[in-house]
PDB file of N, CA and C in Angstrom:
ATOM      1  N   MET A   1     -52.130 -83.674  60.821  1.00  0.00           N
ATOM      2  CA  MET A   1     -50.729 -83.321  61.103  1.00  0.00           C
ATOM      3  C   MET A   1     -50.318 -84.787  59.826  1.00  0.00           C
ATOM      4  N   LYS A   2     -50.698 -85.853  60.447  1.00  0.00           N
ATOM      5  CA  LYS A   2     -49.883 -87.081  60.026  1.00  0.00           C
ATOM      6  C   LYS A   2     -50.160 -87.110  57.843  1.00  0.00           C
ATOM      7  N   SER A   3     -51.471 -87.099  57.560  1.00  0.00           N
ATOM      8  CA  SER A   3     -51.816 -87.037  56.658  1.00  0.00           C
ATOM      9  C   SER A   3     -50.802 -85.807  55.483  1.00  0.00           C
ATOM     10  N   ARG A   4     -50.803 -84.797  55.626  1.00  0.00           N
ATOM     11  CA  ARG A   4     -49.849 -83.747  55.450  1.00  0.00           C
ATOM     12  C   ARG A   4     -48.561 -84.197  55.248  1.00  0.00           C
ATOM     13  N   LEU A   5     -48.007 -85.052  55.825  1.00  0.00           N
ATOM     14  CA  LEU A   5     -46.619 -85.273  56.068  1.00  0.00           C
ATOM     15  C   LEU A   5     -46.969 -86.936  54.643  1.00  0.00           C
ATOM     16  N   VAL A   6     -47.379 -87.589  54.661  1.00  0.00           N
ATOM     17  CA  VAL A   6     -47.629 -88.479  54.270  1.00  0.00           C
ATOM     18  C   VAL A   6     -47.800 -87.495  52.120  1.00  0.00           C
ATOM     19  N   VAL A   7     -48.897 -86.697  52.453  1.00  0.00           N
ATOM     20  CA  VAL A   7     -49.017 -86.682  51.268  1.00  0.00           C
ATOM     21  C   VAL A   7     -47.495 -85.992  50.411  1.00  0.00           C
ATOM     22  N   LEU A   8     -47.320 -85.346  51.592  1.00  0.00           N
ATOM     23  CA  LEU A   8     -45.937 -84.834  51.336  1.00  0.00           C
ATOM     24  C   LEU A   8     -44.958 -86.005  50.661  1.00  0.00           C
ATOM     25  N   LEU A   9     -44.667 -86.727  51.305  1.00  0.00           N
ATOM     26  CA  LEU A   9     -43.947 -87.616  51.166  1.00  0.00           C
ATOM     27  C   LEU A   9     -43.744 -88.013  49.778  1.00  0.00           C
ATOM     28  N   THR A  10     -45.482 -88.713  49.330  1.00  0.00           N
ATOM     29  CA  THR A  10     -45.423 -89.396  47.855  1.00  0.00           C
ATOM     30  C   THR A  10     -45.464 -88.251  47.061  1.00  0.00           C
ATOM     31  N   CYS A  11     -45.488 -86.898  47.405  1.00  0.00           N
ATOM     32  CA  CYS A  11     -45.018 -86.034  46.539  1.00  0.00           C
ATOM     33  C   CYS A  11     -43.416 -85.928  45.849  1.00  0.00           C
ATOM     34  N   ALA A  12     -43.115 -85.728  46.821  1.00  0.00           N
ATOM     35  CA  ALA A  12     -41.486 -86.044  47.020  1.00  0.00           C
ATOM     36  C   ALA A  12     -41.159 -87.221  46.258  1.00  0.00           C
ATOM     37  N   GLY A  13     -41.321 -88.146  46.405  1.00  0.00           N
ATOM     38  CA  GLY A  13     -41.128 -89.786  45.931  1.00  0.00           C
ATOM     39  C   GLY A  13     -41.616 -89.968  44.749  1.00  0.00           C
ATOM     40  N   THR A  14     -42.969 -89.433  43.887  1.00  0.00           N
ATOM     41  CA  THR A  14     -43.009 -89.006  42.793  1.00  0.00           C
ATOM     42  C   THR A  14     -42.137 -88.202  41.633  1.00  0.00           C
ATOM     43  N   LEU A  15     -41.684 -86.916  42.359  1.00  0.00           N
ATOM     44  CA  LEU A  15     -41.020 -86.354  41.495  1.00  0.00           C
ATOM     45  C   LEU A  15     -39.514 -86.718  41.463  1.00  0.00           C
ATOM     46  N   LEU A  16     -39.245 -87.166  42.537  1.00  0.00           N
ATOM     47  CA  LEU A  16     -37.757 -88.421  42.573  1.00  0.00           C
ATOM     48  C   LEU A  16     -37.984 -88.936  41.083  1.00  0.00           C
ATOM     49  N   VAL A  17     -38.801 -90.073  41.142  1.00  0.00           N
ATOM     50  CA  VAL A  17     -38.449 -90.840  40.454  1.00  0.00           C
ATOM     51  C   VAL A  17     -38.824 -90.397  39.461  1.00  0.00           C
ATOM     52  N   SER A  18     -39.382 -89.269  38.809  1.00  0.00           N
ATOM     53  CA  SER A  18     -39.684 -88.928  37.620  1.00  0.00           C
ATOM     54  C   SER A  18     -38.886 -88.267  36.918  1.00  0.00           C
ATOM     55  N   GLY A  19     -38.236 -87.592  37.980  1.00  0.00           N
ATOM     56  CA  GLY A  19     -36.743 -87.210  37.316  1.00  0.00           C
ATOM     57  C   GLY A  19     -35.491 -87.960  37.121  1.00  0.00           C
ATOM     58  N   CYS A  20     -35.375 -89.161  37.423  1.00  0.00           N
ATOM     59  CA  CYS A  20     -34.762 -89.954  37.148  1.00  0.00           C
ATOM     60  C   CYS A  20     -34.667 -90.695  36.156  1.00  0.00           C
ATOM     61  N   GLY A  21     -35.865 -90.722  35.727  1.00  0.00           N
ATOM     62  CA  GLY A  21     -35.916 -91.650  34.156  1.00  0.00           C
ATOM     63  C   GLY A  21     -35.334 -90.915  33.478  1.00  0.00           C
ATOM     64  N   SER A  22     -35.108 -91.681  32.022  1.00  0.00           N
ATOM     65  CA  SER A  22     -34.370 -90.721  30.792  1.00  0.00           C
ATOM     66  C   SER A  22     -35.140 -90.624  29.738  1.00  0.00           C
ATOM     67  N   SER A  23     -35.073 -89.704  28.921  1.00  0.00           N
ATOM     68  CA  SER A  23     -36.219 -89.482  27.570  1.00  0.00           C
ATOM     69  C   SER A  23     -36.144 -90.475  27.114  1.00  0.00           C
ATOM     70  N   PRO A  24     -37.356 -90.581  25.718  1.00  0.00           N
ATOM     71  CA  PRO A  24     -37.071 -91.467  24.720  1.00  0.00           C
ATOM     72  C   PRO A  24     -36.276 -90.585  23.781  1.00  0.00           C
ATOM     73  N   TYR A  25     -35.994 -91.436  22.590  1.00  0.00           N
ATOM     74  CA  TYR A  25     -35.231 -91.263  21.345  1.00  0.00           C
ATOM     75  C   TYR A  25     -36.243 -91.599  19.867  1.00  0.00           C
ATOM     76  N   LYS A  26     -35.960 -90.710  18.876  1.00  0.00           N
ATOM     77  CA  LYS A  26     -36.912 -91.311  18.266  1.00  0.00           C
ATOM     78  C   LYS A  26     -34.864 -91.670  17.053  1.00  0.00           C
ATOM     79  N   ILE A  27     -34.773 -92.972  15.989  1.00  0.00           N
ATOM     80  CA  ILE A  27     -34.403 -93.165  15.702  1.00  0.00           C
ATOM     81  C   ILE A  27     -34.756 -92.974  13.861  1.00  0.00           C
ATOM     82  N   THR A  28     -34.485 -92.202  12.817  1.00  0.00           N
ATOM     83  CA  THR A  28     -34.703 -92.213  11.781  1.00  0.00           C
ATOM     84  C   THR A  28     -33.794 -93.409  11.092  1.00  0.00           C
ATOM     85  N   LEU A  29     -34.374 -94.100  10.105  1.00  0.00           N
ATOM     86  CA  LEU A  29     -32.406 -94.833   9.334  1.00  0.00           C
ATOM     87  C   LEU A  29     -32.366 -94.246   7.796  1.00  0.00           C
ATOM     88  N   ARG A  30     -31.750 -94.079   7.068  1.00  0.00           N
ATOM     89  CA  ARG A  30     -32.094 -93.913   5.887  1.00  0.00           C
ATOM     90  C   ARG A  30     -33.220 -94.464   4.646  1.00  0.00           C
ATOM     91  N   ASP A  31     -33.469 -95.307   5.311  1.00  0.00           N
ATOM     92  CA  ASP A  31     -34.254 -96.114   4.378  1.00  0.00           C
ATOM     93  C   ASP A  31     -35.498 -95.420   4.697  1.00  0.00           C
ATOM     94  N   GLY A  32     -35.914 -94.633   5.936  1.00  0.00           N
ATOM     95  CA  GLY A  32     -37.034 -93.940   6.152  1.00  0.00           C
ATOM     96  C   GLY A  32     -38.089 -94.723   7.425  1.00  0.00           C
ATOM     97  N   ARG A  33     -37.149 -96.115   7.942  1.00  0.00           N
ATOM     98  CA  ARG A  33     -37.629 -96.355   8.890  1.00  0.00           C
ATOM     99  C   ARG A  33     -37.841 -95.621  10.027  1.00  0.00           C
ATOM    100  N   GLU A  34     -38.363 -95.616  11.256  1.00  0.00           N
ATOM    101  CA  GLU A  34     -38.419 -95.151  11.879  1.00  0.00           C
ATOM    102  C   GLU A  34     -38.246 -95.925  13.792  1.00  0.00           C
ATOM    103  N   TYR A  35     -37.605 -96.156  14.456  1.00  0.00           N
ATOM    104  CA  TYR A  35     -37.980 -96.665  15.444  1.00  0.00           C
ATOM    105  C   TYR A  35     -37.943 -95.106  16.909  1.00  0.00           C
ATOM    106  N   PHE A  36     -38.792 -95.980  18.257  1.00  0.00           N
ATOM    107  CA  PHE A  36     -38.900 -94.941  18.698  1.00  0.00           C
ATOM    108  C   PHE A  36     -38.588 -95.856  20.130  1.00  0.00           C
ATOM    109  N   THR A  37     -37.462 -95.211  20.981  1.00  0.00           N
ATOM    110  CA  THR A  37     -36.704 -95.603  22.344  1.00  0.00           C
ATOM    111  C   THR A  37     -36.697 -95.712  23.294  1.00  0.00           C
ATOM    112  N   ALA A  38     -37.170 -96.423  24.222  1.00  0.00           N
ATOM    113  CA  ALA A  38     -37.392 -96.451  25.725  1.00  0.00           C
ATOM    114  C   ALA A  38     -36.196 -95.147  26.662  1.00  0.00           C
ATOM    115  N   SER A  39     -35.640 -95.178  25.702  1.00  0.00           N
ATOM    116  CA  SER A  39     -34.381 -94.252  26.694  1.00  0.00           C
ATOM    117  C   SER A  39     -33.308 -93.942  25.756  1.00  0.00           C
ATOM    118  N   ARG A  40     -31.889 -93.462  26.272  1.00  0.00           N
ATOM    119  CA  ARG A  40     -30.754 -93.042  24.639  1.00  0.00           C
ATOM    120  C   ARG A  40     -30.446 -94.542  24.463  1.00  0.00           C
ATOM    121  N   PRO A  41     -30.081 -94.497  23.398  1.00  0.00           N
ATOM    122  CA  PRO A  41     -29.070 -95.635  23.118  1.00  0.00           C
ATOM    123  C   PRO A  41     -27.925 -95.426  23.322  1.00  0.00           C
ATOM    124  N   GLU A  42     -27.421 -96.686  23.380  1.00  0.00           N
ATOM    125  CA  GLU A  42     -26.019 -96.923  23.712  1.00  0.00           C
ATOM    126  C   GLU A  42     -24.991 -97.224  22.560  1.00  0.00           C
ATOM    127  N   PHE A  43     -23.996 -96.677  22.017  1.00  0.00           N
ATOM    128  CA  PHE A  43     -23.311 -97.029  21.178  1.00  0.00           C
ATOM    129  C   PHE A  43     -22.050 -98.102  21.662  1.00  0.00           C
ATOM    130  N   ASN A  44     -21.550 -98.725  20.837  1.00  0.00           N
ATOM    131  CA  ASN A  44     -20.261 -99.834  20.979  1.00  0.00           C
ATOM    132  C   ASN A  44     -19.534 -99.627  19.791  1.00  0.00           C
ATOM    133  N   GLU A  45     -18.441 -99.150  20.638  1.00  0.00           N
ATOM    134  CA  GLU A  45     -17.676 -98.562  19.594  1.00  0.00           C
ATOM    135  C   GLU A  45     -16.949-100.029  18.796  1.00  0.00           C
ATOM    136  N   LYS A  46     -16.851-100.777  19.648  1.00  0.00           N
ATOM    137  CA  LYS A  46     -15.790-101.895  18.864  1.00  0.00           C
ATOM    138  C   LYS A  46     -17.247-102.885  18.019  1.00  0.00           C
ATOM    139  N   THR A  47     -17.893-102.947  17.620  1.00  0.00           N
ATOM    140  CA  THR A  47     -19.607-103.366  17.207  1.00  0.00           C
ATOM    141  C   THR A  47     -19.634-102.335  15.850  1.00  0.00           C
ATOM    142  N   GLY A  48     -19.686-101.353  16.169  1.00  0.00           N
ATOM    143  CA  GLY A  48     -20.141-100.262  15.511  1.00  0.00           C
ATOM    144  C   GLY A  48     -22.176-100.162  15.028  1.00  0.00           C
ATOM    145  N   TYR A  49     -22.333-100.880  16.196  1.00  0.00           N
ATOM    146  CA  TYR A  49     -23.787-100.633  16.488  1.00  0.00           C
ATOM    147  C   TYR A  49     -24.383-100.069  17.635  1.00  0.00           C
ATOM    148  N   TYR A  50     -25.685 -99.522  17.555  1.00  0.00           N
ATOM    149  CA  TYR A  50     -26.635 -98.943  18.756  1.00  0.00           C
ATOM    150  C   TYR A  50     -27.723 -99.897  19.294  1.00  0.00           C
ATOM    151  N   LYS A  51     -27.469-100.400  20.379  1.00  0.00           N
ATOM    152  CA  LYS A  51     -28.170-101.170  21.396  1.00  0.00           C
ATOM    153  C   LYS A  51     -29.302 -99.928  22.112  1.00  0.00           C
ATOM    154  N   PHE A  52     -30.365-100.212  22.006  1.00  0.00           N
ATOM    155  CA  PHE A  52     -31.347 -99.964  22.912  1.00  0.00           C
ATOM    156  C   PHE A  52     -32.704-100.573  22.473  1.00  0.00           C
ATOM    157  N   ARG A  53     -33.433-100.203  23.373  1.00  0.00           N
ATOM    158  CA  ARG A  53     -34.720-100.972  24.183  1.00  0.00           C
ATOM    159  C   ARG A  53     -35.810-100.255  23.392  1.00  0.00           C
ATOM    160  N   SER A  54     -36.895-100.953  22.889  1.00  0.00           N
ATOM    161  CA  SER A  54     -37.686 -99.999  22.028  1.00  0.00           C
ATOM    162  C   SER A  54     -39.239 -99.937  23.069  1.00  0.00           C
ATOM    163  N   LEU A  55     -39.788 -99.205  22.595  1.00  0.00           N
ATOM    164  CA  LEU A  55     -41.010 -98.620  23.090  1.00  0.00           C
ATOM    165  C   LEU A  55     -41.955-100.266  23.620  1.00  0.00           C
ATOM    166  N   ASN A  56     -41.988-101.480  22.626  1.00  0.00           N
ATOM    167  CA  ASN A  56     -42.847-102.246  23.339  1.00  0.00           C
ATOM    168  C   ASN A  56     -41.596-103.424  23.957  1.00  0.00           C
ATOM    169  N   ASP A  57     -40.618-102.817  24.590  1.00  0.00           N
ATOM    170  CA  ASP A  57     -39.671-103.349  25.672  1.00  0.00           C
ATOM    171  C   ASP A  57     -38.954-104.596  24.621  1.00  0.00           C
ATOM    172  N   ARG A  58     -38.486-104.353  23.873  1.00  0.00           N
ATOM    173  CA  ARG A  58     -37.956-105.578  23.579  1.00  0.00           C
ATOM    174  C   ARG A  58     -36.095-104.979  23.423  1.00  0.00           C
ATOM    175  N   ASP A  59     -35.119-105.870  23.143  1.00  0.00           N
ATOM    176  CA  ASP A  59     -33.797-105.281  22.772  1.00  0.00           C
ATOM    177  C   ASP A  59     -33.659-105.162  21.403  1.00  0.00           C
ATOM    178  N   ALA A  60     -32.922-104.259  20.906  1.00  0.00           N
ATOM    179  CA  ALA A  60     -32.881-103.952  19.371  1.00  0.00           C
ATOM    180  C   ALA A  60     -31.018-103.603  18.870  1.00  0.00           C
ATOM    181  N   LEU A  61     -30.631-103.908  17.860  1.00  0.00           N
ATOM    182  CA  LEU A  61     -29.424-103.438  17.555  1.00  0.00           C
ATOM    183  C   LEU A  61     -29.985-102.849  16.031  1.00  0.00           C
ATOM    184  N   ILE A  62     -28.788-101.786  15.790  1.00  0.00           N
ATOM    185  CA  ILE A  62     -29.067-101.084  14.506  1.00  0.00           C
ATOM    186  C   ILE A  62     -27.597-100.441  14.334  1.00  0.00           C
ATOM    187  N   ARG A  63     -27.421-100.457  13.276  1.00  0.00           N
ATOM    188  CA  ARG A  63     -25.503-100.547  12.416  1.00  0.00           C
ATOM    189  C   ARG A  63     -25.632 -99.375  12.608  1.00  0.00           C
ATOM    190  N   SER A  64     -24.616 -98.311  12.968  1.00  0.00           N
ATOM    191  CA  SER A  64     -24.304 -96.808  13.013  1.00  0.00           C
ATOM    192  C   SER A  64     -24.299 -95.954  11.718  1.00  0.00           C
ATOM    193  N   ASP A  65     -24.166 -96.837  10.477  1.00  0.00           N
ATOM    194  CA  ASP A  65     -24.280 -96.101   9.217  1.00  0.00           C
ATOM    195  C   ASP A  65     -25.241 -96.210   8.497  1.00  0.00           C
ATOM    196  N   GLU A  66     -26.301 -96.956   9.271  1.00  0.00           N
ATOM    197  CA  GLU A  66     -27.836 -97.147   8.775  1.00  0.00           C
ATOM    198  C   GLU A  66     -28.838 -95.744   9.332  1.00  0.00           C
ATOM    199  N   ILE A  67     -27.983 -95.654  10.465  1.00  0.00           N
ATOM    200  CA  ILE A  67     -28.801 -94.341  11.144  1.00  0.00           C
ATOM    201  C   ILE A  67     -28.810 -92.522  10.268  1.00  0.00           C
ATOM    202  N   LEU A  68     -30.066 -92.356   9.742  1.00  0.00           N
ATOM    203  CA  LEU A  68     -29.765 -91.116   9.268  1.00  0.00           C
ATOM    204  C   LEU A  68     -29.836 -89.934  10.427  1.00  0.00           C
ATOM    205  N   MET A  69     -31.028 -90.119  11.253  1.00  0.00           N
ATOM    206  CA  MET A  69     -31.045 -89.207  12.282  1.00  0.00           C
ATOM    207  C   MET A  69     -31.351 -89.956  13.304  1.00  0.00           C
ATOM    208  N   MET A  70     -30.779 -89.144  14.920  1.00  0.00           N
ATOM    209  CA  MET A  70     -31.450 -89.519  16.115  1.00  0.00           C
ATOM    210  C   MET A  70     -31.655 -88.278  16.759  1.00  0.00           C
ATOM    211  N   GLN A  71     -33.125 -88.051  17.293  1.00  0.00           N
ATOM    212  CA  GLN A  71     -33.284 -87.163  18.568  1.00  0.00           C
ATOM    213  C   GLN A  71     -33.759 -87.323  18.978  1.00  0.00           C
ATOM    214  N   GLU A  72     -33.841 -86.683  20.145  1.00  0.00           N
ATOM    215  CA  GLU A  72     -34.351 -87.024  21.984  1.00  0.00           C
ATOM    216  C   GLU A  72     -35.868 -85.976  21.632  1.00  0.00           C
ATOM    217  N   LEU A  73     -36.648 -87.128  22.497  1.00  0.00           N
ATOM    218  CA  LEU A  73     -38.290 -86.322  22.313  1.00  0.00           C
ATOM    219  C   LEU A  73     -38.822 -86.116  23.629  1.00  0.00           C
TER     220      LEU A  73
END
C-alpha cells in the first residue's frame, strides 16, 4: 500500500512540475537568423527590446524592429 502511494505522489509531482513549465519559442529575424528560447520572450516597452533566455542558458536582447516572426513551439 505504501509503495502505491509513493508511486502516485511521484506521478502527481511530475505532472505538476511539467505543467508549470513554459514552452520554447522560435524567433526569426529579418536577416534570416533564428533564435530558440527556453521560454516566452519579455517585451520592455521603454527600451523596445525583447529579453529572453536562450536554450544554451544565456540571456539575450533583440530589438523589436529586427524581428520578422515569433512563434511558440
